[in-house]
């Protein structure tokens, strides 16, 4: 019995690469990752010394933190592309991995934003919580902190 479907087989042929080409690519990527890491460490040290100063520049610190985030994403790209061999895959395979990752990052950000909103607004809308957290007046002669006697 022959099985004949109306679709042809999809086969992707990768051209063989020499071992030396791969080693050269890994060596180049390792040096690049090392340089990026040294730059990140230098920026981190400068942020640390800025915070020790009398009047740290908040904008400059935020800018440096953004640069470190961008450099970290660049390192993640090179690690996934070269060492996990995702750079040699077809676009659909890459999107199958990247799109759920982006959704997961959005998911984390949304929960952090929602949690911060709850934390900052709970005294405004929850009267019971506000009354629980207010300091209770102490009775005269009471030596405890909470006014319960004892």
Protein backbone atom coordinates (compact mmCIF):
# COMPACT_ATOMS: atom_id res chain seq x y z
CA UNK A 1 0.00 0.00 0.00
CA UNK A 2 1.35 3.27 -1.04
CA UNK A 3 0.52 6.41 0.88
CA UNK A 4 0.27 9.36 -1.42
CA UNK A 5 -0.75 12.67 0.05
CA UNK A 6 -1.15 15.83 -1.94
CA UNK A 7 1.75 17.51 -0.14
CA UNK A 8 5.39 17.22 -0.93
CA UNK A 9 7.88 16.63 1.83
CA UNK A 10 9.52 19.71 3.30
CA UNK A 11 13.19 19.06 3.80
CA UNK A 12 15.78 21.68 4.59
CA UNK A 13 19.33 20.83 3.71
CA UNK A 14 22.04 22.54 5.64
CA UNK A 15 25.31 23.00 3.88
CA UNK A 16 28.13 21.28 5.72
CA UNK A 17 30.38 23.66 7.60
CA UNK A 18 33.92 22.84 8.42
CA UNK A 19 34.95 22.33 12.01
CA UNK A 20 37.41 25.21 11.74
CA UNK A 21 34.65 27.67 10.72
CA UNK A 22 32.60 26.72 13.74
CA UNK A 23 35.57 27.06 16.08
CA UNK A 24 36.35 30.49 14.64
CA UNK A 25 32.74 31.55 15.15
CA UNK A 26 32.69 30.30 18.75
CA UNK A 27 36.03 32.00 19.49
CA UNK A 28 34.78 35.30 18.03
CA UNK A 29 31.54 35.08 20.02
CA UNK A 30 33.38 34.24 23.25
CA UNK A 31 35.66 37.27 22.85
CA UNK A 32 32.66 39.49 22.07
CA UNK A 33 30.77 38.21 25.14
CA UNK A 34 33.85 38.81 27.30
CA UNK A 35 34.19 42.39 26.06
CA UNK A 36 30.48 43.07 26.68
CA UNK A 37 30.80 41.60 30.19
CA UNK A 38 33.81 43.82 30.98
CA UNK A 39 31.84 46.87 29.77
CA UNK A 40 28.88 45.85 31.96
CA UNK A 41 31.17 45.47 34.97
CA UNK A 42 32.68 48.91 34.32
CA UNK A 43 29.24 50.50 34.09
CA UNK A 44 28.15 48.69 37.26
CA UNK A 45 31.22 49.94 39.11
CA UNK A 46 30.54 53.49 37.94
CA UNK A 47 26.92 53.23 39.13
CA UNK A 48 28.19 52.00 42.49
CA UNK A 49 30.59 54.93 42.84
CA UNK A 50 27.87 57.38 41.77
CA UNK A 51 25.60 56.14 44.54
CA UNK A 52 28.36 56.69 47.09
CA UNK A 53 28.66 60.36 46.09
CA UNK A 54 26.82 63.20 47.78
CA UNK A 55 24.42 64.04 44.97
CA UNK A 56 24.04 61.13 42.52
CA UNK A 57 22.59 62.04 39.13
CA UNK A 58 19.39 59.96 38.93
CA UNK A 59 19.07 60.34 35.15
CA UNK A 60 22.63 59.15 34.55
CA UNK A 61 22.15 56.15 36.84
CA UNK A 62 18.92 55.25 35.02
CA UNK A 63 20.66 55.66 31.65
CA UNK A 64 23.51 53.37 32.72
CA UNK A 65 21.04 50.76 33.97
CA UNK A 66 19.26 50.87 30.62
CA UNK A 67 22.55 50.40 28.79
CA UNK A 68 23.34 47.38 30.98
CA UNK A 69 19.92 45.89 30.15
CA UNK A 70 20.52 46.36 26.42
CA UNK A 71 23.99 44.79 26.66
CA UNK A 72 22.55 41.85 28.61
CA UNK A 73 19.95 41.26 25.89
CA UNK A 74 22.72 41.38 23.27
CA UNK A 75 24.66 38.74 25.21
CA UNK A 76 21.54 36.56 25.47
CA UNK A 77 21.05 36.85 21.70
CA UNK A 78 24.62 35.75 20.95
CA UNK A 79 24.45 32.86 23.41
CA UNK A 80 21.21 31.56 21.94
CA UNK A 81 22.30 32.18 18.36
CA UNK A 82 25.75 30.61 18.45
CA UNK A 83 25.98 28.22 21.38
CA UNK A 84 22.41 26.91 21.15
CA UNK A 85 22.59 26.91 17.31
CA UNK A 86 19.33 28.81 16.91
CA UNK A 87 20.93 31.25 14.48
CA UNK A 88 21.14 28.49 11.87
CA UNK A 89 17.44 27.61 12.06
CA UNK A 90 14.67 28.81 9.79
CA UNK A 91 12.66 31.89 10.73
CA UNK A 92 9.51 29.98 11.74
CA UNK A 93 11.46 27.89 14.25
CA UNK A 94 12.99 31.02 15.75
CA UNK A 95 9.58 32.69 16.03
CA UNK A 96 8.18 29.56 17.70
CA UNK A 97 10.66 30.14 20.52
CA UNK A 98 10.82 33.95 20.63
CA UNK A 99 7.10 34.83 20.56
CA UNK A 100 6.14 32.77 23.65
CA UNK A 101 9.20 34.22 25.41
CA UNK A 102 8.02 37.76 24.67
CA UNK A 103 4.53 36.89 25.92
CA UNK A 104 6.07 35.50 29.10
CA UNK A 105 8.08 38.70 29.62
CA UNK A 106 4.89 40.74 29.09
CA UNK A 107 3.13 38.47 31.59
CA UNK A 108 5.76 39.15 34.26
CA UNK A 109 5.65 42.90 33.60
CA UNK A 110 1.85 42.98 33.80
CA UNK A 111 1.83 41.18 37.14
CA UNK A 112 4.50 43.50 38.55
CA UNK A 113 2.51 46.53 37.40
CA UNK A 114 -0.71 45.14 38.88
CA UNK A 115 0.99 44.24 42.16
CA UNK A 116 2.49 47.71 42.47
CA UNK A 117 -0.93 49.27 41.80
CA UNK A 118 -2.48 47.14 44.52
CA UNK A 119 0.30 47.99 46.96
CA UNK A 120 0.00 51.73 46.42
CA UNK A 121 -3.81 51.92 46.31
CA UNK A 122 -4.90 49.50 49.03
CA UNK A 123 -5.12 52.21 51.74
CA UNK A 124 -7.20 54.40 49.44
CA UNK A 125 -9.95 51.89 48.66
CA UNK A 126 -9.92 49.39 51.53
CA UNK A 127 -11.24 51.05 54.70
CA UNK A 128 -10.74 47.90 56.77
CA UNK A 129 -7.05 47.73 55.82
CA UNK A 130 -6.60 51.43 56.56
CA UNK A 131 -8.13 51.08 60.02
CA UNK A 132 -6.01 48.01 60.74
CA UNK A 133 -2.79 49.79 59.86
CA UNK A 134 -3.43 53.05 61.70
CA UNK A 135 -1.64 53.50 64.99
CA UNK A 136 -3.95 52.90 67.93
CA UNK A 137 -3.83 55.38 70.80
CA UNK A 138 -2.25 54.02 73.94
CA UNK A 139 -3.95 54.17 77.30
CA UNK A 140 -2.30 56.02 80.16
CA UNK A 141 0.04 53.78 82.09
CA UNK A 142 0.27 51.32 79.20
CA UNK A 143 3.83 50.18 78.60
CA UNK A 144 3.18 48.15 75.46
CA UNK A 145 3.51 49.56 72.01
CA UNK A 146 0.12 48.48 70.66
CA UNK A 147 -2.21 49.62 73.46
CA UNK A 148 -3.40 46.15 74.41
CA UNK A 149 -2.26 46.33 78.02
CA UNK A 150 -0.12 43.84 79.72
